[in-house]
Every structure is written in C-alpha cells, then in structure tokens.
Protein backbone atom coordinates (compact mmCIF):
# COMPACT_ATOMS: atom_id res chain seq x y z
CA MET A 1 9.36 -1.05 27.13
CA GLY A 2 11.39 -1.51 23.96
CA SER A 3 10.72 -0.14 20.53
CA THR A 4 8.03 -1.57 18.27
CA ILE A 5 8.13 -2.02 14.51
CA ARG A 6 6.12 0.68 12.75
CA HIS A 7 6.97 -0.04 9.09
CA ILE A 8 8.88 -2.48 6.98
CA THR A 9 10.41 -0.10 4.45
CA PHE A 10 11.33 -0.86 0.85
CA ASP A 11 13.67 1.44 -1.07
CA CYS A 12 12.39 2.25 -4.57
CA ALA A 13 15.07 3.38 -7.00
CA PRO A 14 14.35 4.65 -10.52
CA PRO A 15 12.68 3.54 -12.69
CA TYR A 16 10.43 2.05 -9.99
CA GLU A 17 7.74 4.16 -8.37
CA PRO A 18 6.71 3.89 -4.71
CA TYR A 19 3.02 4.15 -5.54
CA GLU A 20 3.12 1.38 -8.15
CA LEU A 21 5.01 -0.97 -5.84
CA ALA A 22 2.59 -0.21 -3.00
CA ARG A 23 -0.32 -1.04 -5.34
CA PHE A 24 1.33 -4.36 -6.29
CA TRP A 25 1.90 -5.33 -2.65
CA GLY A 26 -1.57 -4.10 -1.71
CA GLN A 27 -3.04 -6.50 -4.25
CA VAL A 28 -0.84 -9.38 -3.02
CA LEU A 29 -1.84 -8.73 0.62
CA ASP A 30 -5.41 -7.56 -0.11
CA LEU A 31 -4.75 -4.17 1.51
CA PRO A 32 -5.47 -0.72 0.09
CA VAL A 33 -2.86 1.97 -0.46
CA ASP A 34 -3.18 4.64 2.23
CA ALA A 35 -5.84 7.17 1.15
CA ASP A 36 -3.42 10.06 1.86
CA ASP A 37 -0.88 8.74 -0.68
CA SER A 38 -0.91 9.46 -4.41
CA PRO A 39 1.05 8.60 -7.57
CA GLY A 40 4.29 10.61 -7.60
CA ASP A 41 4.63 10.70 -3.79
CA ASP A 42 8.08 9.93 -2.40
CA GLU A 43 6.63 7.79 0.42
CA VAL A 44 3.63 5.50 -0.01
CA GLY A 45 2.25 3.09 2.58
CA LEU A 46 -0.38 0.42 2.78
CA ASP A 47 -3.43 1.00 4.95
CA THR A 48 -3.25 -1.79 7.52
CA PRO A 49 -5.56 -2.54 10.44
CA ALA A 50 -4.68 -0.80 13.71
CA GLY A 51 -1.82 -2.46 15.54
CA GLN A 52 -0.36 -4.17 12.48
CA VAL A 53 2.97 -3.34 10.88
CA THR A 54 2.60 -1.74 7.47
CA LEU A 55 4.75 -1.80 4.36
CA LEU A 56 6.22 1.57 3.37
CA PHE A 57 7.73 2.27 -0.06
CA VAL A 58 10.23 5.15 -0.20
CA ARG A 59 11.86 6.75 -3.23
CA VAL A 60 15.69 6.65 -3.14
CA PRO A 61 18.14 7.93 -5.77
CA GLU A 62 20.54 4.97 -5.83
CA ALA A 63 19.97 1.52 -7.28
CA LYS A 64 20.37 -1.62 -5.19
CA THR A 65 23.89 -2.99 -5.43
CA LEU A 66 23.82 -6.03 -3.13
CA LYS A 67 21.50 -8.88 -2.22
CA ASN A 68 18.37 -8.00 -0.24
CA ARG A 69 18.80 -8.69 3.45
CA VAL A 70 15.05 -8.75 4.15
CA HIS A 71 12.32 -10.85 2.61
CA LEU A 72 8.73 -11.62 3.50
CA ASP A 73 7.47 -15.13 4.23
CA LEU A 74 3.78 -15.12 3.37
CA GLU A 75 1.06 -17.58 4.32
CA PRO A 76 -1.66 -17.55 1.67
CA GLY A 77 -5.34 -17.51 2.56
CA ARG A 78 -6.04 -19.99 -0.27
CA SER A 79 -4.12 -22.99 -1.58
CA ARG A 80 -0.47 -22.31 -2.33
CA GLU A 81 -0.99 -23.25 -5.98
CA GLU A 82 -3.87 -20.77 -6.33
CA GLU A 83 -1.80 -18.05 -4.68
CA VAL A 84 1.17 -18.74 -6.96
CA GLU A 85 -1.09 -18.30 -10.00
CA ARG A 86 -2.66 -15.13 -8.55
CA VAL A 87 0.70 -13.49 -7.81
CA LEU A 88 1.98 -14.40 -11.28
CA ALA A 89 -1.12 -12.72 -12.76
CA LEU A 90 -0.36 -9.58 -10.68
CA GLY A 91 3.12 -9.34 -12.22
CA GLY A 92 5.27 -11.31 -9.77
CA VAL A 93 8.11 -13.37 -11.24
CA ILE A 94 9.21 -16.78 -9.98
CA VAL A 95 12.89 -16.62 -9.04
CA ASP A 96 13.21 -20.05 -7.43
CA ASP A 97 10.66 -22.86 -7.22
CA ARG A 98 11.37 -25.17 -4.28
CA ARG A 99 7.97 -26.92 -4.20
CA LYS A 100 8.16 -30.67 -3.55
CA PRO A 101 5.70 -33.36 -4.70
CA ASN A 102 4.71 -33.99 -1.07
CA GLY A 103 3.35 -30.42 -0.72
CA ARG A 104 6.29 -29.06 1.25
CA GLY A 105 8.76 -26.42 0.10
CA TRP A 106 8.21 -22.89 -1.15
CA VAL A 107 8.28 -20.55 -4.12
CA VAL A 108 10.47 -17.43 -4.22
CA PHE A 109 9.06 -14.53 -6.21
CA ALA A 110 10.46 -11.18 -7.22
CA ASP A 111 8.12 -8.20 -7.24
CA PRO A 112 8.37 -5.50 -9.94
CA ASN A 113 11.28 -3.97 -8.00
CA THR A 114 12.93 -7.42 -7.45
CA SER A 115 12.37 -7.54 -3.68
CA ASN A 116 12.12 -11.26 -2.91
CA TYR A 117 9.29 -12.87 -0.98
CA GLN A 118 8.27 -16.48 -0.53
CA PHE A 119 5.40 -18.74 0.53
C-alpha cells in the first residue's frame, strides 16, 4: 500500500500567524481549529472528520519568493455568488474573476497570506 495524504501544509511567514490563517480557512470550510492548538503555536491544524485530509499551517522564517505551486479548488455548498460574497466578508481578496455570463468559470481569491484558491 502506498502513502496517504495526512495534511496539506501551508507555510506562514511573518507577519502572518498560523492560528489566524487556520481560523480564516476554518471559517471558509466551516471547520473548527483543532482544540489542542492555540494562538502563538508554530503549527495549527483544522479539526476535520476522521479519514479526511486536514489543512495544517506552519510557521516558517522566510517569506515566499515564487508563485504558489498548490491551490485549492473548492465547491461551495451554496450558490457560487453567495460563497463569493461570504469569502469576501471573511477577508478574502479577489485576485482574478473568470466568471462568465453563462454561469461557467471561476473566481480566484487570495487569503490573508496570499495563498490562492478558486471556486
């Protein structure tokens, strides 16, 4: 049997805090921050249902210097337009809006640490 994915890990360089980014993503995904994690921790994860991959946010000393090579494609549990408005209210920033009048396309957001995701 091969390996399985345990975490998708996001590096958090100053001034960004792992706990704050985990809270943001927890709100986007409607998942709580792991009860064992606290503000100031170097590693903070989301509490996901058993068997699901979780997001892990890890403090690193160096800033990102190149384009992200990983992004998340999300499928909202409500209309895309409602989800776009909700994520904007949580602090997400639209980086690229590729929505088409026929309902196709996507929106690329940046989170508070500029990790891109789209739906």
